[in-house]
């Protein structure tokens, strides 16, 4: 379903927005998606630890795993927000656009 939407939606977007507007939208979107890499696979590790704790029925270990996961995600959240804000500050320098697209890029990001 997503693939068919992409196949038909991308040419429509290009036609309606134009090449420069579409590129100005696409570049920051892709860079924002790269911020997700800062998660470093912690969710998969936490799921495995949580499944193990649930499997053996250790209530204390379940709570400890959840508390550790929340603390780890809080640290990652701070780094991701700071990286996103830093990217937002320089977005108009990183994506060279002209005219009205400058303000649209800043607002959109």
PDB file of N, CA and C in Angstrom:
ATOM      1  N   UNK A   1       0.827  -1.190   0.000  1.00  0.00           N
ATOM      2  CA  UNK A   1       0.000   0.000   0.000  1.00  0.00           C
ATOM      3  C   UNK A   1       0.873   1.257   0.000  1.00  0.00           C
ATOM      4  N   UNK A   2       1.865   1.295   0.907  1.00  0.00           N
ATOM      5  CA  UNK A   2       2.747   2.454   0.988  1.00  0.00           C
ATOM      6  C   UNK A   2       3.529   2.644  -0.305  1.00  0.00           C
ATOM      7  N   UNK A   3       3.946   1.535  -0.886  1.00  0.00           N
ATOM      8  CA  UNK A   3       4.714   1.613  -2.124  1.00  0.00           C
ATOM      9  C   UNK A   3       3.880   2.219  -3.241  1.00  0.00           C
ATOM     10  N   UNK A   4       2.628   1.791  -3.356  1.00  0.00           N
ATOM     11  CA  UNK A   4       1.779   2.327  -4.424  1.00  0.00           C
ATOM     12  C   UNK A   4       1.485   3.810  -4.196  1.00  0.00           C
ATOM     13  N   UNK A   5       1.328   4.209  -2.941  1.00  0.00           N
ATOM     14  CA  UNK A   5       1.123   5.631  -2.653  1.00  0.00           C
ATOM     15  C   UNK A   5       2.359   6.425  -3.058  1.00  0.00           C
ATOM     16  N   UNK A   6       3.545   5.889  -2.760  1.00  0.00           N
ATOM     17  CA  UNK A   6       4.788   6.566  -3.128  1.00  0.00           C
ATOM     18  C   UNK A   6       4.963   6.651  -4.632  1.00  0.00           C
ATOM     19  N   UNK A   7       4.652   5.571  -5.313  1.00  0.00           N
ATOM     20  CA  UNK A   7       4.826   5.540  -6.771  1.00  0.00           C
ATOM     21  C   UNK A   7       3.936   6.582  -7.453  1.00  0.00           C
ATOM     22  N   UNK A   8       2.720   6.725  -7.003  1.00  0.00           N
ATOM     23  CA  UNK A   8       1.814   7.675  -7.623  1.00  0.00           C
ATOM     24  C   UNK A   8       1.897   9.064  -6.989  1.00  0.00           C
ATOM     25  N   UNK A   9       2.276   9.125  -5.722  1.00  0.00           N
ATOM     26  CA  UNK A   9       2.310  10.404  -5.022  1.00  0.00           C
ATOM     27  C   UNK A   9       3.511  11.272  -5.348  1.00  0.00           C
ATOM     28  N   UNK A  10       4.673  10.662  -5.565  1.00  0.00           N
ATOM     29  CA  UNK A  10       5.888  11.437  -5.826  1.00  0.00           C
ATOM     30  C   UNK A  10       5.785  12.266  -7.106  1.00  0.00           C
ATOM     31  N   UNK A  11       5.376  11.702  -8.236  1.00  0.00           N
ATOM     32  CA  UNK A  11       5.229  12.552  -9.422  1.00  0.00           C
ATOM     33  C   UNK A  11       4.198  13.671  -9.231  1.00  0.00           C
ATOM     34  N   UNK A  12       3.142  13.377  -8.481  1.00  0.00           N
ATOM     35  CA  UNK A  12       2.131  14.398  -8.216  1.00  0.00           C
ATOM     36  C   UNK A  12       2.721  15.526  -7.373  1.00  0.00           C
ATOM     37  N   UNK A  13       3.487  15.173  -6.355  1.00  0.00           N
ATOM     38  CA  UNK A  13       4.149  16.186  -5.537  1.00  0.00           C
ATOM     39  C   UNK A  13       5.126  17.020  -6.354  1.00  0.00           C
ATOM     40  N   UNK A  14       5.906  16.364  -7.187  1.00  0.00           N
ATOM     41  CA  UNK A  14       6.857  17.086  -8.031  1.00  0.00           C
ATOM     42  C   UNK A  14       6.140  18.062  -8.965  1.00  0.00           C
ATOM     43  N   UNK A  15       5.020  17.641  -9.503  1.00  0.00           N
ATOM     44  CA  UNK A  15       4.266  18.508 -10.399  1.00  0.00           C
ATOM     45  C   UNK A  15       3.682  19.708  -9.646  1.00  0.00           C
ATOM     46  N   UNK A  16       3.118  19.458  -8.474  1.00  0.00           N
ATOM     47  CA  UNK A  16       2.460  20.534  -7.717  1.00  0.00           C
ATOM     48  C   UNK A  16       3.466  21.474  -7.060  1.00  0.00           C
ATOM     49  N   UNK A  17       4.522  20.932  -6.490  1.00  0.00           N
ATOM     50  CA  UNK A  17       5.475  21.761  -5.750  1.00  0.00           C
ATOM     51  C   UNK A  17       6.578  22.336  -6.623  1.00  0.00           C
ATOM     52  N   UNK A  18       7.029  21.587  -7.578  1.00  0.00           N
ATOM     53  CA  UNK A  18       8.191  21.985  -8.362  1.00  0.00           C
ATOM     54  C   UNK A  18       9.431  21.325  -7.781  1.00  0.00           C
ATOM     55  N   UNK A  19      10.471  21.259  -8.580  1.00  0.00           N
ATOM     56  CA  UNK A  19      11.689  20.554  -8.162  1.00  0.00           C
ATOM     57  C   UNK A  19      12.342  21.184  -6.941  1.00  0.00           C
ATOM     58  N   UNK A  20      12.470  22.513  -6.936  1.00  0.00           N
ATOM     59  CA  UNK A  20      13.177  23.170  -5.838  1.00  0.00           C
ATOM     60  C   UNK A  20      12.424  23.031  -4.523  1.00  0.00           C
ATOM     61  N   UNK A  21      11.122  23.229  -4.551  1.00  0.00           N
ATOM     62  CA  UNK A  21      10.327  23.095  -3.321  1.00  0.00           C
ATOM     63  C   UNK A  21      10.350  21.665  -2.802  1.00  0.00           C
ATOM     64  N   UNK A  22      10.232  20.707  -3.707  1.00  0.00           N
ATOM     65  CA  UNK A  22      10.237  19.310  -3.291  1.00  0.00           C
ATOM     66  C   UNK A  22      11.590  18.939  -2.684  1.00  0.00           C
ATOM     67  N   UNK A  23      12.675  19.378  -3.320  1.00  0.00           N
ATOM     68  CA  UNK A  23      14.007  19.101  -2.784  1.00  0.00           C
ATOM     69  C   UNK A  23      14.230  19.778  -1.454  1.00  0.00           C
ATOM     70  N   UNK A  24      13.715  21.010  -1.305  1.00  0.00           N
ATOM     71  CA  UNK A  24      13.842  21.739  -0.045  1.00  0.00           C
ATOM     72  C   UNK A  24      13.057  21.046   1.066  1.00  0.00           C
ATOM     73  N   UNK A  25      12.010  20.350   0.707  1.00  0.00           N
ATOM     74  CA  UNK A  25      11.241  19.575   1.683  1.00  0.00           C
ATOM     75  C   UNK A  25      11.927  18.243   1.986  1.00  0.00           C
ATOM     76  N   UNK A  26      12.430  17.602   0.967  1.00  0.00           N
ATOM     77  CA  UNK A  26      12.950  16.246   1.094  1.00  0.00           C
ATOM     78  C   UNK A  26      14.260  16.177   1.890  1.00  0.00           C
ATOM     79  N   UNK A  27      15.180  17.107   1.660  1.00  0.00           N
ATOM     80  CA  UNK A  27      16.484  17.060   2.324  1.00  0.00           C
ATOM     81  C   UNK A  27      16.362  17.147   3.851  1.00  0.00           C
ATOM     82  N   UNK A  28      15.650  18.136   4.410  1.00  0.00           N
ATOM     83  CA  UNK A  28      15.535  18.175   5.869  1.00  0.00           C
ATOM     84  C   UNK A  28      14.750  16.999   6.440  1.00  0.00           C
ATOM     85  N   UNK A  29      13.797  16.490   5.676  1.00  0.00           N
ATOM     86  CA  UNK A  29      13.052  15.323   6.141  1.00  0.00           C
ATOM     87  C   UNK A  29      13.977  14.120   6.280  1.00  0.00           C
ATOM     88  N   UNK A  30      14.830  13.917   5.292  1.00  0.00           N
ATOM     89  CA  UNK A  30      15.788  12.811   5.364  1.00  0.00           C
ATOM     90  C   UNK A  30      16.780  13.007   6.500  1.00  0.00           C
ATOM     91  N   UNK A  31      17.269  14.230   6.673  1.00  0.00           N
ATOM     92  CA  UNK A  31      18.212  14.481   7.772  1.00  0.00           C
ATOM     93  C   UNK A  31      17.547  14.275   9.130  1.00  0.00           C
ATOM     94  N   UNK A  32      16.295  14.690   9.246  1.00  0.00           N
ATOM     95  CA  UNK A  32      15.569  14.462  10.494  1.00  0.00           C
ATOM     96  C   UNK A  32      15.395  12.975  10.780  1.00  0.00           C
ATOM     97  N   UNK A  33      15.204  12.194   9.727  1.00  0.00           N
ATOM     98  CA  UNK A  33      15.084  10.747   9.919  1.00  0.00           C
ATOM     99  C   UNK A  33      16.396  10.130  10.392  1.00  0.00           C
ATOM    100  N   UNK A  34      17.511  10.706   9.987  1.00  0.00           N
ATOM    101  CA  UNK A  34      18.797  10.196  10.447  1.00  0.00           C
ATOM    102  C   UNK A  34      18.997  10.394  11.945  1.00  0.00           C
ATOM    103  N   UNK A  35      18.288  11.336  12.531  1.00  0.00           N
ATOM    104  CA  UNK A  35      18.383  11.523  13.985  1.00  0.00           C
ATOM    105  C   UNK A  35      17.917  10.276  14.735  1.00  0.00           C
ATOM    106  N   UNK A  36      17.063   9.490  14.098  1.00  0.00           N
ATOM    107  CA  UNK A  36      16.600   8.249  14.723  1.00  0.00           C
ATOM    108  C   UNK A  36      17.733   7.248  14.922  1.00  0.00           C
ATOM    109  N   UNK A  37      18.806   7.395  14.148  1.00  0.00           N
ATOM    110  CA  UNK A  37      19.948   6.495  14.323  1.00  0.00           C
ATOM    111  C   UNK A  37      20.621   6.685  15.678  1.00  0.00           C
ATOM    112  N   UNK A  38      20.412   7.828  16.304  1.00  0.00           N
ATOM    113  CA  UNK A  38      20.994   8.072  17.625  1.00  0.00           C
ATOM    114  C   UNK A  38      20.409   7.151  18.696  1.00  0.00           C
ATOM    115  N   UNK A  39      19.325   6.504  18.364  1.00  0.00           N
ATOM    116  CA  UNK A  39      18.706   5.555  19.302  1.00  0.00           C
ATOM    117  C   UNK A  39      19.610   4.344  19.525  1.00  0.00           C
ATOM    118  N   UNK A  40      20.461   4.047  18.578  1.00  0.00           N
ATOM    119  CA  UNK A  40      21.518   3.041  18.694  1.00  0.00           C
ATOM    120  C   UNK A  40      21.021   1.633  19.004  1.00  0.00           C
ATOM    121  N   UNK A  41      19.812   1.298  18.628  1.00  0.00           N
ATOM    122  CA  UNK A  41      19.323  -0.060  18.812  1.00  0.00           C
ATOM    123  C   UNK A  41      18.935  -0.410  20.233  1.00  0.00           C
ATOM    124  N   UNK A  42      18.745   0.594  21.054  1.00  0.00           N
ATOM    125  CA  UNK A  42      18.407   0.330  22.460  1.00  0.00           C
ATOM    126  C   UNK A  42      17.040  -0.327  22.581  1.00  0.00           C
ATOM    127  N   UNK A  43      16.112   0.010  21.703  1.00  0.00           N
ATOM    128  CA  UNK A  43      14.766  -0.566  21.822  1.00  0.00           C
ATOM    129  C   UNK A  43      14.790  -2.083  21.669  1.00  0.00           C
ATOM    130  N   UNK A  44      15.571  -2.593  20.711  1.00  0.00           N
ATOM    131  CA  UNK A  44      15.670  -4.044  20.540  1.00  0.00           C
ATOM    132  C   UNK A  44      16.293  -4.724  21.743  1.00  0.00           C
ATOM    133  N   UNK A  45      17.316  -4.101  22.293  1.00  0.00           N
ATOM    134  CA  UNK A  45      17.969  -4.661  23.485  1.00  0.00           C
ATOM    135  C   UNK A  45      17.025  -4.670  24.676  1.00  0.00           C
ATOM    136  N   UNK A  46      16.295  -3.583  24.838  1.00  0.00           N
ATOM    137  CA  UNK A  46      15.355  -3.518  25.957  1.00  0.00           C
ATOM    138  C   UNK A  46      14.228  -4.527  25.815  1.00  0.00           C
ATOM    139  N   UNK A  47      13.768  -4.738  24.593  1.00  0.00           N
ATOM    140  CA  UNK A  47      12.725  -5.735  24.384  1.00  0.00           C
ATOM    141  C   UNK A  47      13.201  -7.128  24.773  1.00  0.00           C
ATOM    142  N   UNK A  48      14.447  -7.453  24.406  1.00  0.00           N
ATOM    143  CA  UNK A  48      14.986  -8.767  24.766  1.00  0.00           C
ATOM    144  C   UNK A  48      15.116  -8.906  26.283  1.00  0.00           C
ATOM    145  N   UNK A  49      15.623  -7.869  26.945  1.00  0.00           N
ATOM    146  CA  UNK A  49      15.763  -7.922  28.411  1.00  0.00           C
ATOM    147  C   UNK A  49      14.403  -7.993  29.098  1.00  0.00           C
ATOM    148  N   UNK A  50      13.453  -7.250  28.577  1.00  0.00           N
ATOM    149  CA  UNK A  50      12.116  -7.266  29.159  1.00  0.00           C
ATOM    150  C   UNK A  50      11.442  -8.623  28.950  1.00  0.00           C
ATOM    151  N   UNK A  51      11.617  -9.219  27.784  1.00  0.00           N
ATOM    152  CA  UNK A  51      11.045 -10.545  27.526  1.00  0.00           C
ATOM    153  C   UNK A  51      11.643 -11.581  28.467  1.00  0.00           C
ATOM    154  N   UNK A  52      12.942 -11.483  28.714  1.00  0.00           N
ATOM    155  CA  UNK A  52      13.597 -12.414  29.631  1.00  0.00           C
ATOM    156  C   UNK A  52      13.050 -12.251  31.047  1.00  0.00           C
ATOM    157  N   UNK A  53      12.924 -10.996  31.490  1.00  0.00           N
ATOM    158  CA  UNK A  53      12.411 -10.741  32.840  1.00  0.00           C
ATOM    159  C   UNK A  53      10.958 -11.203  32.967  1.00  0.00           C
ATOM    160  N   UNK A  54      10.164 -10.974  31.936  1.00  0.00           N
ATOM    161  CA  UNK A  54       8.779 -11.433  31.974  1.00  0.00           C
ATOM    162  C   UNK A  54       8.697 -12.956  31.944  1.00  0.00           C
ATOM    163  N   UNK A  55       9.613 -13.567  31.185  1.00  0.00           N
ATOM    164  CA  UNK A  55       9.619 -15.028  31.067  1.00  0.00           C
ATOM    165  C   UNK A  55       9.915 -15.730  32.379  1.00  0.00           C
ATOM    166  N   UNK A  56      10.823 -15.167  33.158  1.00  0.00           N
ATOM    167  CA  UNK A  56      11.153 -15.805  34.438  1.00  0.00           C
ATOM    168  C   UNK A  56      10.263 -15.303  35.568  1.00  0.00           C
ATOM    169  N   UNK A  57       9.445 -14.292  35.278  1.00  0.00           N
ATOM    170  CA  UNK A  57       8.472 -13.811  36.254  1.00  0.00           C
ATOM    171  C   UNK A  57       9.058 -12.993  37.383  1.00  0.00           C
ATOM    172  N   UNK A  58      10.198 -12.396  37.172  1.00  0.00           N
ATOM    173  CA  UNK A  58      10.836 -11.565  38.200  1.00  0.00           C
ATOM    174  C   UNK A  58      10.281 -10.151  38.148  1.00  0.00           C
ATOM    175  N   UNK A  59       9.401  -9.833  39.082  1.00  0.00           N
ATOM    176  CA  UNK A  59       8.773  -8.511  39.120  1.00  0.00           C
ATOM    177  C   UNK A  59       9.819  -7.407  39.330  1.00  0.00           C
ATOM    178  N   UNK A  60      10.766  -7.657  40.197  1.00  0.00           N
ATOM    179  CA  UNK A  60      11.801  -6.662  40.477  1.00  0.00           C
ATOM    180  C   UNK A  60      12.673  -6.406  39.237  1.00  0.00           C
ATOM    181  N   UNK A  61      12.992  -7.450  38.512  1.00  0.00           N
ATOM    182  CA  UNK A  61      13.808  -7.295  37.307  1.00  0.00           C
ATOM    183  C   UNK A  61      13.031  -6.565  36.202  1.00  0.00           C
ATOM    184  N   UNK A  62      11.742  -6.791  36.129  1.00  0.00           N
ATOM    185  CA  UNK A  62      10.907  -6.074  35.167  1.00  0.00           C
ATOM    186  C   UNK A  62      10.943  -4.574  35.460  1.00  0.00           C
ATOM    187  N   UNK A  63      10.757  -4.222  36.725  1.00  0.00           N
ATOM    188  CA  UNK A  63      10.790  -2.808  37.110  1.00  0.00           C
ATOM    189  C   UNK A  63      12.164  -2.190  36.856  1.00  0.00           C
ATOM    190  N   UNK A  64      13.214  -2.934  37.166  1.00  0.00           N
ATOM    191  CA  UNK A  64      14.568  -2.433  36.944  1.00  0.00           C
ATOM    192  C   UNK A  64      14.837  -2.232  35.452  1.00  0.00           C
ATOM    193  N   UNK A  65      14.390  -3.157  34.625  1.00  0.00           N
ATOM    194  CA  UNK A  65      14.568  -3.035  33.176  1.00  0.00           C
ATOM    195  C   UNK A  65      13.821  -1.827  32.637  1.00  0.00           C
ATOM    196  N   UNK A  66      12.589  -1.646  33.077  1.00  0.00           N
ATOM    197  CA  UNK A  66      11.815  -0.486  32.632  1.00  0.00           C
ATOM    198  C   UNK A  66      12.450   0.824  33.090  1.00  0.00           C
ATOM    199  N   UNK A  67      12.905   0.878  34.338  1.00  0.00           N
ATOM    200  CA  UNK A  67      13.532   2.094  34.855  1.00  0.00           C
ATOM    201  C   UNK A  67      14.823   2.412  34.102  1.00  0.00           C
ATOM    202  N   UNK A  68      15.620   1.380  33.831  1.00  0.00           N
ATOM    203  CA  UNK A  68      16.861   1.585  33.087  1.00  0.00           C
ATOM    204  C   UNK A  68      16.564   2.056  31.663  1.00  0.00           C
ATOM    205  N   UNK A  69      15.560   1.478  31.047  1.00  0.00           N
ATOM    206  CA  UNK A  69      15.181   1.886  29.695  1.00  0.00           C
ATOM    207  C   UNK A  69      14.707   3.327  29.636  1.00  0.00           C
ATOM    208  N   UNK A  70      13.925   3.734  30.610  1.00  0.00           N
ATOM    209  CA  UNK A  70      13.441   5.117  30.645  1.00  0.00           C
ATOM    210  C   UNK A  70      14.603   6.084  30.825  1.00  0.00           C
ATOM    211  N   UNK A  71      15.549   5.745  31.700  1.00  0.00           N
ATOM    212  CA  UNK A  71      16.722   6.609  31.900  1.00  0.00           C
ATOM    213  C   UNK A  71      17.563   6.696  30.628  1.00  0.00           C
ATOM    214  N   UNK A  72      17.747   5.568  29.956  1.00  0.00           N
ATOM    215  CA  UNK A  72      18.539   5.564  28.718  1.00  0.00           C
ATOM    216  C   UNK A  72      17.848   6.397  27.641  1.00  0.00           C
ATOM    217  N   UNK A  73      16.543   6.233  27.500  1.00  0.00           N
ATOM    218  CA  UNK A  73      15.818   6.995  26.489  1.00  0.00           C
ATOM    219  C   UNK A  73      15.779   8.484  26.810  1.00  0.00           C
ATOM    220  N   UNK A  74      15.783   8.841  28.074  1.00  0.00           N
ATOM    221  CA  UNK A  74      15.813  10.251  28.444  1.00  0.00           C
ATOM    222  C   UNK A  74      17.122  10.897  27.985  1.00  0.00           C
ATOM    223  N   UNK A  75      18.225  10.190  28.180  1.00  0.00           N
ATOM    224  CA  UNK A  75      19.524  10.702  27.729  1.00  0.00           C
ATOM    225  C   UNK A  75      19.557  10.817  26.205  1.00  0.00           C
ATOM    226  N   UNK A  76      19.041   9.805  25.534  1.00  0.00           N
ATOM    227  CA  UNK A  76      19.010   9.827  24.071  1.00  0.00           C
ATOM    228  C   UNK A  76      18.096  10.943  23.577  1.00  0.00           C
ATOM    229  N   UNK A  77      16.975  11.140  24.251  1.00  0.00           N
ATOM    230  CA  UNK A  77      16.045  12.190  23.874  1.00  0.00           C
ATOM    231  C   UNK A  77      16.714  13.556  23.927  1.00  0.00           C
ATOM    232  N   UNK A  78      17.483  13.806  24.961  1.00  0.00           N
ATOM    233  CA  UNK A  78      18.175  15.088  25.094  1.00  0.00           C
ATOM    234  C   UNK A  78      19.149  15.290  23.935  1.00  0.00           C
ATOM    235  N   UNK A  79      19.919  14.261  23.606  1.00  0.00           N
ATOM    236  CA  UNK A  79      20.873  14.362  22.497  1.00  0.00           C
ATOM    237  C   UNK A  79      20.142  14.578  21.174  1.00  0.00           C
ATOM    238  N   UNK A  80      19.048  13.848  20.960  1.00  0.00           N
ATOM    239  CA  UNK A  80      18.302  13.974  19.709  1.00  0.00           C
ATOM    240  C   UNK A  80      17.666  15.360  19.571  1.00  0.00           C
ATOM    241  N   UNK A  81      17.128  15.893  20.655  1.00  0.00           N
ATOM    242  CA  UNK A  81      16.520  17.221  20.604  1.00  0.00           C
ATOM    243  C   UNK A  81      17.581  18.278  20.325  1.00  0.00           C
ATOM    244  N   UNK A  82      18.728  18.168  20.989  1.00  0.00           N
ATOM    245  CA  UNK A  82      19.804  19.132  20.746  1.00  0.00           C
ATOM    246  C   UNK A  82      20.314  19.047  19.307  1.00  0.00           C
ATOM    247  N   UNK A  83      20.461  17.839  18.792  1.00  0.00           N
ATOM    248  CA  UNK A  83      20.900  17.673  17.405  1.00  0.00           C
ATOM    249  C   UNK A  83      19.849  18.229  16.445  1.00  0.00           C
ATOM    250  N   UNK A  84      18.582  17.998  16.724  1.00  0.00           N
ATOM    251  CA  UNK A  84      17.510  18.529  15.883  1.00  0.00           C
ATOM    252  C   UNK A  84      17.449  20.045  15.915  1.00  0.00           C
ATOM    253  N   UNK A  85      17.639  20.633  17.098  1.00  0.00           N
ATOM    254  CA  UNK A  85      17.666  22.091  17.192  1.00  0.00           C
ATOM    255  C   UNK A  85      18.868  22.667  16.459  1.00  0.00           C
ATOM    256  N   UNK A  86      20.016  22.008  16.588  1.00  0.00           N
ATOM    257  CA  UNK A  86      21.210  22.461  15.873  1.00  0.00           C
ATOM    258  C   UNK A  86      21.009  22.400  14.370  1.00  0.00           C
ATOM    259  N   UNK A  87      20.394  21.339  13.913  1.00  0.00           N
ATOM    260  CA  UNK A  87      20.097  21.211  12.494  1.00  0.00           C
ATOM    261  C   UNK A  87      19.123  22.301  12.053  1.00  0.00           C
ATOM    262  N   UNK A  88      18.150  22.592  12.899  1.00  0.00           N
ATOM    263  CA  UNK A  88      17.176  23.631  12.580  1.00  0.00           C
ATOM    264  C   UNK A  88      17.780  25.020  12.492  1.00  0.00           C
ATOM    265  N   UNK A  89      18.794  25.274  13.313  1.00  0.00           N
ATOM    266  CA  UNK A  89      19.440  26.586  13.280  1.00  0.00           C
ATOM    267  C   UNK A  89      20.174  26.840  11.968  1.00  0.00           C
ATOM    268  N   UNK A  90      20.711  25.782  11.392  1.00  0.00           N
ATOM    269  CA  UNK A  90      21.522  25.929  10.186  1.00  0.00           C
ATOM    270  C   UNK A  90      20.832  25.396   8.931  1.00  0.00           C
ATOM    271  N   UNK A  91      19.540  25.114   9.013  1.00  0.00           N
ATOM    272  CA  UNK A  91      18.860  24.461   7.905  1.00  0.00           C
ATOM    273  C   UNK A  91      18.877  25.303   6.633  1.00  0.00           C
ATOM    274  N   UNK A  92      18.786  26.622   6.771  1.00  0.00           N
ATOM    275  CA  UNK A  92      18.785  27.462   5.568  1.00  0.00           C
ATOM    276  C   UNK A  92      20.172  27.567   4.948  1.00  0.00           C
ATOM    277  N   UNK A  93      21.210  27.259   5.727  1.00  0.00           N
ATOM    278  CA  UNK A  93      22.562  27.235   5.173  1.00  0.00           C
ATOM    279  C   UNK A  93      22.857  25.884   4.529  1.00  0.00           C
ATOM    280  N   UNK A  94      22.243  24.849   5.057  1.00  0.00           N
ATOM    281  CA  UNK A  94      22.481  23.504   4.545  1.00  0.00           C
ATOM    282  C   UNK A  94      21.670  23.211   3.282  1.00  0.00           C
ATOM    283  N   UNK A  95      20.494  23.802   3.189  1.00  0.00           N
ATOM    284  CA  UNK A  95      19.629  23.620   2.019  1.00  0.00           C
ATOM    285  C   UNK A  95      19.533  24.970   1.322  1.00  0.00           C
ATOM    286  N   UNK A  96      20.293  25.165   0.269  1.00  0.00           N
ATOM    287  CA  UNK A  96      20.303  26.477  -0.386  1.00  0.00           C
ATOM    288  C   UNK A  96      19.033  26.714  -1.210  1.00  0.00           C
ATOM    289  N   UNK A  97      18.155  27.544  -0.647  1.00  0.00           N
ATOM    290  CA  UNK A  97      16.931  27.915  -1.340  1.00  0.00           C
ATOM    291  C   UNK A  97      16.866  29.440  -1.433  1.00  0.00           C
ATOM    292  N   UNK A  98      15.967  29.927  -2.255  1.00  0.00           N
ATOM    293  CA  UNK A  98      15.864  31.362  -2.463  1.00  0.00           C
ATOM    294  C   UNK A  98      14.431  31.825  -2.282  1.00  0.00           C
ATOM    295  N   UNK A  99      14.300  33.111  -1.993  1.00  0.00           N
ATOM    296  CA  UNK A  99      12.988  33.748  -1.948  1.00  0.00           C
ATOM    297  C   UNK A  99      12.106  33.261  -0.822  1.00  0.00           C
ATOM    298  N   UNK A 100      10.868  33.015  -1.167  1.00  0.00           N
ATOM    299  CA  UNK A 100       9.856  32.628  -0.190  1.00  0.00           C
ATOM    300  C   UNK A 100      10.145  31.249   0.408  1.00  0.00           C
ATOM    301  N   UNK A 101      10.915  30.437  -0.289  1.00  0.00           N
ATOM    302  CA  UNK A 101      11.219  29.095   0.213  1.00  0.00           C
ATOM    303  C   UNK A 101      12.054  29.125   1.489  1.00  0.00           C
ATOM    304  N   UNK A 102      12.787  30.216   1.721  1.00  0.00           N
ATOM    305  CA  UNK A 102      13.596  30.312   2.942  1.00  0.00           C
ATOM    306  C   UNK A 102      12.695  30.274   4.168  1.00  0.00           C
ATOM    307  N   UNK A 103      11.678  31.114   4.196  1.00  0.00           N
ATOM    308  CA  UNK A 103      10.774  31.130   5.357  1.00  0.00           C
ATOM    309  C   UNK A 103       9.954  29.849   5.437  1.00  0.00           C
ATOM    310  N   UNK A 104       9.555  29.306   4.291  1.00  0.00           N
ATOM    311  CA  UNK A 104       8.798  28.045   4.308  1.00  0.00           C
ATOM    312  C   UNK A 104       9.661  26.901   4.848  1.00  0.00           C
ATOM    313  N   UNK A 105      10.936  26.897   4.483  1.00  0.00           N
ATOM    314  CA  UNK A 105      11.840  25.861   4.973  1.00  0.00           C
ATOM    315  C   UNK A 105      12.025  25.971   6.476  1.00  0.00           C
ATOM    316  N   UNK A 106      12.198  27.189   6.979  1.00  0.00           N
ATOM    317  CA  UNK A 106      12.365  27.389   8.414  1.00  0.00           C
ATOM    318  C   UNK A 106      11.104  26.976   9.173  1.00  0.00           C
ATOM    319  N   UNK A 107       9.956  27.378   8.699  1.00  0.00           N
ATOM    320  CA  UNK A 107       8.695  27.026   9.365  1.00  0.00           C
ATOM    321  C   UNK A 107       8.432  25.531   9.271  1.00  0.00           C
ATOM    322  N   UNK A 108       8.705  24.974   8.106  1.00  0.00           N
ATOM    323  CA  UNK A 108       8.434  23.554   7.887  1.00  0.00           C
ATOM    324  C   UNK A 108       9.322  22.653   8.713  1.00  0.00           C
ATOM    325  N   UNK A 109      10.582  23.054   8.869  1.00  0.00           N
ATOM    326  CA  UNK A 109      11.472  22.208   9.651  1.00  0.00           C
ATOM    327  C   UNK A 109      11.070  22.280  11.104  1.00  0.00           C
TER     328      UNK A 109
END
